[in-house]
Amino acid sequence: MKLRILATLAALAFAGAAQAQMISATNPRAIVSALQNAGYKATLGKDDTGDPLITSAAGGSDFLVLFFG
């Protein structure tokens, strides 16, 4: 599941890009930037246990990107 989310985010981040750059789940700010560069709203926060949490939306639906471990 985690791999599928990362693959989807990577595809969004690189869609139409002339030169691809790697992003990593170890750097949540880079994922936020990739989402924003792809035209999505994205806000970095923390969940109840202090893990990073990204809040975003697409197609009228809100979604979260959760980080574990």
PDB file of N, CA and C in Angstrom:
ATOM      1  N   MET A   1       0.824  -1.189   0.000  1.00  0.00           N
ATOM      2  CA  MET A   1       0.000   0.000   0.000  1.00  0.00           C
ATOM      3  C   MET A   1       0.868   1.253   0.000  1.00  0.00           C
ATOM      4  N   LYS A   2       1.886   1.280   0.871  1.00  0.00           N
ATOM      5  CA  LYS A   2       2.769   2.433   0.948  1.00  0.00           C
ATOM      6  C   LYS A   2       3.471   2.662  -0.392  1.00  0.00           C
ATOM      7  N   LEU A   3       3.891   1.586  -1.021  1.00  0.00           N
ATOM      8  CA  LEU A   3       4.581   1.689  -2.301  1.00  0.00           C
ATOM      9  C   LEU A   3       3.643   2.241  -3.364  1.00  0.00           C
ATOM     10  N   ARG A   4       2.387   1.829  -3.350  1.00  0.00           N
ATOM     11  CA  ARG A   4       1.420   2.309  -4.332  1.00  0.00           C
ATOM     12  C   ARG A   4       1.202   3.815  -4.175  1.00  0.00           C
ATOM     13  N   ILE A   5       1.105   4.304  -2.936  1.00  0.00           N
ATOM     14  CA  ILE A   5       0.925   5.740  -2.697  1.00  0.00           C
ATOM     15  C   ILE A   5       2.145   6.506  -3.196  1.00  0.00           C
ATOM     16  N   LEU A   6       3.332   6.012  -2.873  1.00  0.00           N
ATOM     17  CA  LEU A   6       4.543   6.688  -3.316  1.00  0.00           C
ATOM     18  C   LEU A   6       4.665   6.689  -4.836  1.00  0.00           C
ATOM     19  N   ALA A   7       4.297   5.592  -5.464  1.00  0.00           N
ATOM     20  CA  ALA A   7       4.353   5.523  -6.920  1.00  0.00           C
ATOM     21  C   ALA A   7       3.375   6.513  -7.544  1.00  0.00           C
ATOM     22  N   THR A   8       2.187   6.621  -6.964  1.00  0.00           N
ATOM     23  CA  THR A   8       1.195   7.570  -7.465  1.00  0.00           C
ATOM     24  C   THR A   8       1.694   8.995  -7.308  1.00  0.00           C
ATOM     25  N   LEU A   9       2.247   9.317  -6.144  1.00  0.00           N
ATOM     26  CA  LEU A   9       2.775  10.658  -5.921  1.00  0.00           C
ATOM     27  C   LEU A   9       3.924  10.964  -6.877  1.00  0.00           C
ATOM     28  N   ALA A  10       4.776   9.998  -7.085  1.00  0.00           N
ATOM     29  CA  ALA A  10       5.897  10.197  -8.000  1.00  0.00           C
ATOM     30  C   ALA A  10       5.387  10.450  -9.415  1.00  0.00           C
ATOM     31  N   ALA A  11       4.377   9.703  -9.834  1.00  0.00           N
ATOM     32  CA  ALA A  11       3.813   9.899 -11.170  1.00  0.00           C
ATOM     33  C   ALA A  11       3.211  11.291 -11.294  1.00  0.00           C
ATOM     34  N   LEU A  12       2.509  11.744 -10.265  1.00  0.00           N
ATOM     35  CA  LEU A  12       1.941  13.091 -10.279  1.00  0.00           C
ATOM     36  C   LEU A  12       3.035  14.145 -10.339  1.00  0.00           C
ATOM     37  N   ALA A  13       4.068  13.929  -9.581  1.00  0.00           N
ATOM     38  CA  ALA A  13       5.145  14.907  -9.503  1.00  0.00           C
ATOM     39  C   ALA A  13       5.892  15.032 -10.827  1.00  0.00           C
ATOM     40  N   PHE A  14       5.994  13.937 -11.557  1.00  0.00           N
ATOM     41  CA  PHE A  14       6.809  13.942 -12.762  1.00  0.00           C
ATOM     42  C   PHE A  14       6.005  14.075 -14.048  1.00  0.00           C
ATOM     43  N   ALA A  15       4.704  14.149 -13.951  1.00  0.00           N
ATOM     44  CA  ALA A  15       3.871  14.240 -15.156  1.00  0.00           C
ATOM     45  C   ALA A  15       4.227  15.507 -15.918  1.00  0.00           C
ATOM     46  N   GLY A  16       4.656  15.342 -17.135  1.00  0.00           N
ATOM     47  CA  GLY A  16       4.968  16.481 -17.978  1.00  0.00           C
ATOM     48  C   GLY A  16       6.314  17.137 -17.679  1.00  0.00           C
ATOM     49  N   ALA A  17       7.063  16.638 -16.764  1.00  0.00           N
ATOM     50  CA  ALA A  17       8.350  17.244 -16.425  1.00  0.00           C
ATOM     51  C   ALA A  17       9.388  16.905 -17.471  1.00  0.00           C
ATOM     52  N   ALA A  18      10.190  17.894 -17.831  1.00  0.00           N
ATOM     53  CA  ALA A  18      11.242  17.664 -18.813  1.00  0.00           C
ATOM     54  C   ALA A  18      12.376  16.847 -18.210  1.00  0.00           C
ATOM     55  N   GLN A  19      12.639  17.067 -16.941  1.00  0.00           N
ATOM     56  CA  GLN A  19      13.703  16.326 -16.270  1.00  0.00           C
ATOM     57  C   GLN A  19      13.172  15.854 -14.923  1.00  0.00           C
ATOM     58  N   ALA A  20      13.162  14.559 -14.714  1.00  0.00           N
ATOM     59  CA  ALA A  20      12.616  13.977 -13.493  1.00  0.00           C
ATOM     60  C   ALA A  20      13.620  14.109 -12.346  1.00  0.00           C
ATOM     61  N   GLN A  21      13.075  14.276 -11.145  1.00  0.00           N
ATOM     62  CA  GLN A  21      13.884  14.284  -9.939  1.00  0.00           C
ATOM     63  C   GLN A  21      13.288  13.270  -8.984  1.00  0.00           C
ATOM     64  N   MET A  22      14.126  12.652  -8.178  1.00  0.00           N
ATOM     65  CA  MET A  22      13.665  11.668  -7.216  1.00  0.00           C
ATOM     66  C   MET A  22      13.114  12.358  -5.978  1.00  0.00           C
ATOM     67  N   ILE A  23      12.020  11.829  -5.461  1.00  0.00           N
ATOM     68  CA  ILE A  23      11.531  12.253  -4.156  1.00  0.00           C
ATOM     69  C   ILE A  23      11.493  11.019  -3.272  1.00  0.00           C
ATOM     70  N   SER A  24      11.544  11.238  -1.975  1.00  0.00           N
ATOM     71  CA  SER A  24      11.603  10.116  -1.043  1.00  0.00           C
ATOM     72  C   SER A  24      10.647  10.359   0.111  1.00  0.00           C
ATOM     73  N   ALA A  25      10.073   9.289   0.624  1.00  0.00           N
ATOM     74  CA  ALA A  25       9.173   9.391   1.770  1.00  0.00           C
ATOM     75  C   ALA A  25       9.923   9.830   3.020  1.00  0.00           C
ATOM     76  N   THR A  26      11.245   9.783   2.995  1.00  0.00           N
ATOM     77  CA  THR A  26      12.010  10.274   4.139  1.00  0.00           C
ATOM     78  C   THR A  26      12.043  11.795   4.179  1.00  0.00           C
ATOM     79  N   ASN A  27      11.539  12.441   3.119  1.00  0.00           N
ATOM     80  CA  ASN A  27      11.507  13.892   3.040  1.00  0.00           C
ATOM     81  C   ASN A  27      10.085  14.351   2.707  1.00  0.00           C
ATOM     82  N   PRO A  28       9.193  14.408   3.695  1.00  0.00           N
ATOM     83  CA  PRO A  28       7.802  14.782   3.431  1.00  0.00           C
ATOM     84  C   PRO A  28       7.643  16.153   2.768  1.00  0.00           C
ATOM     85  N   ARG A  29       8.540  17.092   3.071  1.00  0.00           N
ATOM     86  CA  ARG A  29       8.454  18.415   2.437  1.00  0.00           C
ATOM     87  C   ARG A  29       8.627  18.314   0.924  1.00  0.00           C
ATOM     88  N   ALA A  30       9.462  17.393   0.468  1.00  0.00           N
ATOM     89  CA  ALA A  30       9.652  17.202  -0.971  1.00  0.00           C
ATOM     90  C   ALA A  30       8.376  16.667  -1.618  1.00  0.00           C
ATOM     91  N   ILE A  31       7.655  15.818  -0.911  1.00  0.00           N
ATOM     92  CA  ILE A  31       6.395  15.293  -1.426  1.00  0.00           C
ATOM     93  C   ILE A  31       5.365  16.410  -1.502  1.00  0.00           C
ATOM     94  N   VAL A  32       5.317  17.264  -0.473  1.00  0.00           N
ATOM     95  CA  VAL A  32       4.421  18.424  -0.498  1.00  0.00           C
ATOM     96  C   VAL A  32       4.752  19.304  -1.705  1.00  0.00           C
ATOM     97  N   SER A  33       6.020  19.587  -1.909  1.00  0.00           N
ATOM     98  CA  SER A  33       6.440  20.417  -3.041  1.00  0.00           C
ATOM     99  C   SER A  33       6.065  19.780  -4.371  1.00  0.00           C
ATOM    100  N   ALA A  34       6.256  18.473  -4.487  1.00  0.00           N
ATOM    101  CA  ALA A  34       5.910  17.769  -5.726  1.00  0.00           C
ATOM    102  C   ALA A  34       4.414  17.868  -5.998  1.00  0.00           C
ATOM    103  N   LEU A  35       3.601  17.680  -4.969  1.00  0.00           N
ATOM    104  CA  LEU A  35       2.152  17.808  -5.137  1.00  0.00           C
ATOM    105  C   LEU A  35       1.776  19.229  -5.549  1.00  0.00           C
ATOM    106  N   GLN A  36       2.357  20.219  -4.881  1.00  0.00           N
ATOM    107  CA  GLN A  36       2.055  21.612  -5.201  1.00  0.00           C
ATOM    108  C   GLN A  36       2.517  21.967  -6.610  1.00  0.00           C
ATOM    109  N   ASN A  37       3.687  21.485  -7.018  1.00  0.00           N
ATOM    110  CA  ASN A  37       4.182  21.740  -8.369  1.00  0.00           C
ATOM    111  C   ASN A  37       3.301  21.100  -9.431  1.00  0.00           C
ATOM    112  N   ALA A  38       2.598  20.030  -9.055  1.00  0.00           N
ATOM    113  CA  ALA A  38       1.681  19.364  -9.979  1.00  0.00           C
ATOM    114  C   ALA A  38       0.298  20.022  -9.954  1.00  0.00           C
ATOM    115  N   GLY A  39       0.139  21.089  -9.157  1.00  0.00           N
ATOM    116  CA  GLY A  39      -1.113  21.830  -9.140  1.00  0.00           C
ATOM    117  C   GLY A  39      -2.094  21.445  -8.046  1.00  0.00           C
ATOM    118  N   TYR A  40      -1.666  20.621  -7.123  1.00  0.00           N
ATOM    119  CA  TYR A  40      -2.533  20.198  -6.025  1.00  0.00           C
ATOM    120  C   TYR A  40      -2.254  21.039  -4.792  1.00  0.00           C
ATOM    121  N   LYS A  41      -3.279  21.237  -3.962  1.00  0.00           N
ATOM    122  CA  LYS A  41      -3.011  21.845  -2.664  1.00  0.00           C
ATOM    123  C   LYS A  41      -2.402  20.750  -1.792  1.00  0.00           C
ATOM    124  N   ALA A  42      -1.498  21.133  -0.932  1.00  0.00           N
ATOM    125  CA  ALA A  42      -0.875  20.158  -0.035  1.00  0.00           C
ATOM    126  C   ALA A  42      -0.356  20.901   1.181  1.00  0.00           C
ATOM    127  N   THR A  43      -0.704  20.388   2.349  1.00  0.00           N
ATOM    128  CA  THR A  43      -0.295  20.995   3.606  1.00  0.00           C
ATOM    129  C   THR A  43       0.366  19.933   4.473  1.00  0.00           C
ATOM    130  N   LEU A  44       1.549  20.254   4.973  1.00  0.00           N
ATOM    131  CA  LEU A  44       2.275  19.332   5.836  1.00  0.00           C
ATOM    132  C   LEU A  44       1.915  19.602   7.286  1.00  0.00           C
ATOM    133  N   GLY A  45       1.585  18.551   8.004  1.00  0.00           N
ATOM    134  CA  GLY A  45       1.279  18.646   9.431  1.00  0.00           C
ATOM    135  C   GLY A  45       1.788  17.408  10.133  1.00  0.00           C
ATOM    136  N   LYS A  46       1.255  17.149  11.315  1.00  0.00           N
ATOM    137  CA  LYS A  46       1.627  15.963  12.083  1.00  0.00           C
ATOM    138  C   LYS A  46       0.363  15.284  12.588  1.00  0.00           C
ATOM    139  N   ASP A  47       0.415  13.946  12.691  1.00  0.00           N
ATOM    140  CA  ASP A  47      -0.714  13.219  13.261  1.00  0.00           C
ATOM    141  C   ASP A  47      -0.602  13.202  14.778  1.00  0.00           C
ATOM    142  N   ASP A  48      -1.502  12.491  15.422  1.00  0.00           N
ATOM    143  CA  ASP A  48      -1.549  12.466  16.889  1.00  0.00           C
ATOM    144  C   ASP A  48      -0.299  11.885  17.545  1.00  0.00           C
ATOM    145  N   THR A  49       0.446  11.065  16.794  1.00  0.00           N
ATOM    146  CA  THR A  49       1.661  10.469  17.359  1.00  0.00           C
ATOM    147  C   THR A  49       2.924  11.229  16.955  1.00  0.00           C
ATOM    148  N   GLY A  50       2.767  12.316  16.195  1.00  0.00           N
ATOM    149  CA  GLY A  50       3.910  13.128  15.791  1.00  0.00           C
ATOM    150  C   GLY A  50       4.495  12.780  14.446  1.00  0.00           C
ATOM    151  N   ASP A  51       3.940  11.756  13.757  1.00  0.00           N
ATOM    152  CA  ASP A  51       4.416  11.402  12.423  1.00  0.00           C
ATOM    153  C   ASP A  51       3.934  12.446  11.415  1.00  0.00           C
ATOM    154  N   PRO A  52       4.696  12.667  10.327  1.00  0.00           N
ATOM    155  CA  PRO A  52       4.259  13.610   9.301  1.00  0.00           C
ATOM    156  C   PRO A  52       2.923  13.178   8.685  1.00  0.00           C
ATOM    157  N   LEU A  53       2.174  14.157   8.210  1.00  0.00           N
ATOM    158  CA  LEU A  53       0.866  13.939   7.613  1.00  0.00           C
ATOM    159  C   LEU A  53       0.677  15.016   6.550  1.00  0.00           C
ATOM    160  N   ILE A  54       0.328  14.617   5.337  1.00  0.00           N
ATOM    161  CA  ILE A  54       0.045  15.577   4.272  1.00  0.00           C
ATOM    162  C   ILE A  54      -1.444  15.548   3.990  1.00  0.00           C
ATOM    163  N   THR A  55      -2.065  16.715   3.993  1.00  0.00           N
ATOM    164  CA  THR A  55      -3.475  16.862   3.657  1.00  0.00           C
ATOM    165  C   THR A  55      -3.541  17.451   2.255  1.00  0.00           C
ATOM    166  N   SER A  56      -4.363  16.835   1.388  1.00  0.00           N
ATOM    167  CA  SER A  56      -4.477  17.307   0.020  1.00  0.00           C
ATOM    168  C   SER A  56      -5.874  17.006  -0.508  1.00  0.00           C
ATOM    169  N   ALA A  57      -6.079  17.283  -1.789  1.00  0.00           N
ATOM    170  CA  ALA A  57      -7.367  17.008  -2.422  1.00  0.00           C
ATOM    171  C   ALA A  57      -7.163  16.866  -3.926  1.00  0.00           C
ATOM    172  N   ALA A  58      -8.061  16.094  -4.537  1.00  0.00           N
ATOM    173  CA  ALA A  58      -8.068  15.924  -5.995  1.00  0.00           C
ATOM    174  C   ALA A  58      -9.470  15.520  -6.414  1.00  0.00           C
ATOM    175  N   GLY A  59      -9.948  16.095  -7.482  1.00  0.00           N
ATOM    176  CA  GLY A  59     -11.256  15.715  -8.015  1.00  0.00           C
ATOM    177  C   GLY A  59     -12.391  15.920  -7.023  1.00  0.00           C
ATOM    178  N   GLY A  60     -12.274  16.920  -6.147  1.00  0.00           N
ATOM    179  CA  GLY A  60     -13.316  17.194  -5.177  1.00  0.00           C
ATOM    180  C   GLY A  60     -13.289  16.312  -3.942  1.00  0.00           C
ATOM    181  N   SER A  61     -12.294  15.461  -3.834  1.00  0.00           N
ATOM    182  CA  SER A  61     -12.175  14.581  -2.665  1.00  0.00           C
ATOM    183  C   SER A  61     -10.907  14.899  -1.888  1.00  0.00           C
ATOM    184  N   ASP A  62     -11.047  15.038  -0.579  1.00  0.00           N
ATOM    185  CA  ASP A  62      -9.881  15.245   0.278  1.00  0.00           C
ATOM    186  C   ASP A  62      -9.189  13.904   0.510  1.00  0.00           C
ATOM    187  N   PHE A  63      -7.869  13.942   0.674  1.00  0.00           N
ATOM    188  CA  PHE A  63      -7.139  12.725   1.023  1.00  0.00           C
ATOM    189  C   PHE A  63      -5.950  13.065   1.892  1.00  0.00           C
ATOM    190  N   LEU A  64      -5.428  12.058   2.573  1.00  0.00           N
ATOM    191  CA  LEU A  64      -4.266  12.195   3.447  1.00  0.00           C
ATOM    192  C   LEU A  64      -3.148  11.295   2.932  1.00  0.00           C
ATOM    193  N   VAL A  65      -1.928  11.757   3.101  1.00  0.00           N
ATOM    194  CA  VAL A  65      -0.752  10.917   2.880  1.00  0.00           C
ATOM    195  C   VAL A  65      -0.162  10.690   4.257  1.00  0.00           C
ATOM    196  N   LEU A  66      -0.164   9.445   4.699  1.00  0.00           N
ATOM    197  CA  LEU A  66       0.284   9.076   6.037  1.00  0.00           C
ATOM    198  C   LEU A  66       1.688   8.461   5.974  1.00  0.00           C
ATOM    199  N   PHE A  67       2.463   8.703   6.992  1.00  0.00           N
ATOM    200  CA  PHE A  67       3.822   8.171   7.076  1.00  0.00           C
ATOM    201  C   PHE A  67       3.912   7.320   8.342  1.00  0.00           C
ATOM    202  N   PHE A  68       4.547   6.171   8.214  1.00  0.00           N
ATOM    203  CA  PHE A  68       4.717   5.264   9.337  1.00  0.00           C
ATOM    204  C   PHE A  68       6.171   4.846   9.430  1.00  0.00           C
ATOM    205  N   GLY A  69       6.627   4.616  10.652  1.00  0.00           N
ATOM    206  CA  GLY A  69       7.964   4.050  10.881  1.00  0.00           C
ATOM    207  C   GLY A  69       9.019   4.992  10.564  1.00  0.00           C
TER     208      GLY A  69
END
